[in-house]
């Protein structure tokens, strides 16, 4: 399996037992010989991550990591990418899909009032 390509797989979970409903997105790396095999392997790993307080929603999305120069995962290597078509302007798009104000993380927009 060492020579098989890498995939980044995004999995969505729902924490339970919290006062507010939330969802967690994780991206994990797997080696597989196809998208289907990568998704199946990631779902196996998801069983290890699930607990009494976190359930897997059943949603996974795979991204093939194009490592054209051989196995060289390291700084700056893209492990996941998603292109979504949208007619929204930048601020509306980010507010709708990535910066709703309810994320439990820090991002570059935390220090900026607008993009520019």
Protein backbone atom coordinates (compact mmCIF):
# COMPACT_ATOMS: atom_id res chain seq x y z
CA UNK A 1 0.00 0.00 0.00
CA UNK A 2 3.02 2.32 0.33
CA UNK A 3 2.99 3.26 -3.39
CA UNK A 4 -0.71 4.11 -3.51
CA UNK A 5 -1.72 7.75 -3.76
CA UNK A 6 -2.68 9.95 -0.86
CA UNK A 7 -6.17 11.32 -0.36
CA UNK A 8 -7.49 13.99 1.97
CA UNK A 9 -10.94 13.00 3.19
CA UNK A 10 -13.28 15.47 4.87
CA UNK A 11 -15.67 13.87 7.36
CA UNK A 12 -18.53 15.62 9.16
CA UNK A 13 -19.45 14.79 12.75
CA UNK A 14 -22.06 16.00 15.20
CA UNK A 15 -21.07 16.51 18.83
CA UNK A 16 -23.79 15.36 21.22
CA UNK A 17 -24.61 16.33 24.77
CA UNK A 18 -23.84 20.01 24.18
CA UNK A 19 -26.13 22.93 24.91
CA UNK A 20 -26.12 24.05 21.25
CA UNK A 21 -26.20 22.02 18.05
CA UNK A 22 -22.89 22.02 16.20
CA UNK A 23 -21.01 20.12 13.51
CA UNK A 24 -17.34 19.26 13.24
CA UNK A 25 -15.47 18.86 9.97
CA UNK A 26 -12.22 16.87 9.99
CA UNK A 27 -9.80 16.25 7.13
CA UNK A 28 -7.73 13.10 7.46
CA UNK A 29 -5.04 11.64 5.20
CA UNK A 30 -5.32 8.11 3.82
CA UNK A 31 -3.52 6.01 1.23
CA UNK A 32 -5.78 4.18 -1.21
CA UNK A 33 -5.91 3.08 -4.83
CA UNK A 34 -9.18 4.91 -5.64
CA UNK A 35 -11.65 7.48 -4.37
CA UNK A 36 -14.02 4.72 -3.26
CA UNK A 37 -11.27 2.94 -1.35
CA UNK A 38 -10.20 6.24 0.28
CA UNK A 39 -13.77 6.93 1.41
CA UNK A 40 -14.18 3.40 2.78
CA UNK A 41 -10.88 3.63 4.68
CA UNK A 42 -11.75 7.07 6.09
CA UNK A 43 -15.09 5.75 7.30
CA UNK A 44 -13.23 2.94 9.08
CA UNK A 45 -11.07 5.58 10.82
CA UNK A 46 -14.22 7.52 11.69
CA UNK A 47 -15.36 4.61 13.86
CA UNK A 48 -12.26 5.11 16.01
CA UNK A 49 -13.04 8.83 16.33
CA UNK A 50 -16.71 8.37 17.22
CA UNK A 51 -17.58 8.28 20.89
CA UNK A 52 -20.49 8.79 23.23
CA UNK A 53 -20.17 12.52 22.57
CA UNK A 54 -19.44 12.54 18.80
CA UNK A 55 -21.33 10.78 16.01
CA UNK A 56 -20.39 10.45 12.35
CA UNK A 57 -23.05 12.00 10.08
CA UNK A 58 -22.30 9.65 7.19
CA UNK A 59 -20.95 12.48 5.00
CA UNK A 60 -17.44 12.17 3.56
CA UNK A 61 -15.73 13.88 0.62
CA UNK A 62 -12.41 12.73 -0.86
CA UNK A 63 -9.71 14.76 -2.60
CA UNK A 64 -6.82 13.08 -4.45
CA UNK A 65 -3.50 14.60 -3.38
CA UNK A 66 -1.48 15.03 -6.55
CA UNK A 67 2.07 14.29 -5.46
CA UNK A 68 3.76 14.28 -8.86
CA UNK A 69 7.31 14.27 -7.51
CA UNK A 70 6.84 11.17 -5.39
CA UNK A 71 5.93 10.81 -1.73
CA UNK A 72 6.73 14.29 -0.46
CA UNK A 73 4.03 15.26 2.02
CA UNK A 74 5.26 18.20 3.99
CA UNK A 75 4.92 21.95 4.45
CA UNK A 76 2.83 23.63 1.79
CA UNK A 77 1.45 20.41 0.23
CA UNK A 78 -2.27 20.75 -0.52
CA UNK A 79 -4.21 18.03 1.33
CA UNK A 80 -7.74 19.16 0.53
CA UNK A 81 -9.46 21.43 -1.96
CA UNK A 82 -13.08 22.15 -2.84
CA UNK A 83 -14.31 24.35 -5.67
CA UNK A 84 -17.91 25.54 -5.36
CA UNK A 85 -19.61 27.55 -8.10
CA UNK A 86 -21.38 30.63 -6.73
CA UNK A 87 -22.60 34.01 -7.95
CA UNK A 88 -22.09 35.52 -4.48
CA UNK A 89 -19.52 38.27 -3.94
CA UNK A 90 -16.53 37.39 -1.73
CA UNK A 91 -17.94 38.71 1.57
CA UNK A 92 -21.35 37.07 1.07
CA UNK A 93 -19.74 33.76 0.11
CA UNK A 94 -17.42 33.72 3.13
CA UNK A 95 -20.24 34.75 5.47
CA UNK A 96 -22.53 32.03 4.10
CA UNK A 97 -20.12 29.09 4.00
CA UNK A 98 -17.05 29.83 6.13
CA UNK A 99 -17.35 32.77 8.49
CA UNK A 100 -20.86 32.66 9.90
CA UNK A 101 -19.74 33.81 13.34
CA UNK A 102 -20.53 30.48 14.98
CA UNK A 103 -17.24 28.70 14.22
CA UNK A 104 -15.08 27.58 17.13
CA UNK A 105 -11.79 28.62 15.55
CA UNK A 106 -9.65 31.59 14.63
CA UNK A 107 -9.27 32.80 11.07
CA UNK A 108 -7.64 35.63 9.16
CA UNK A 109 -10.89 37.60 9.00
CA UNK A 110 -10.98 37.91 12.81
CA UNK A 111 -8.65 40.89 12.50
CA UNK A 112 -10.15 42.43 9.36
CA UNK A 113 -13.45 44.20 8.86
CA UNK A 114 -13.45 43.48 5.13
CA UNK A 115 -11.38 41.84 2.45
CA UNK A 116 -9.04 44.07 0.54
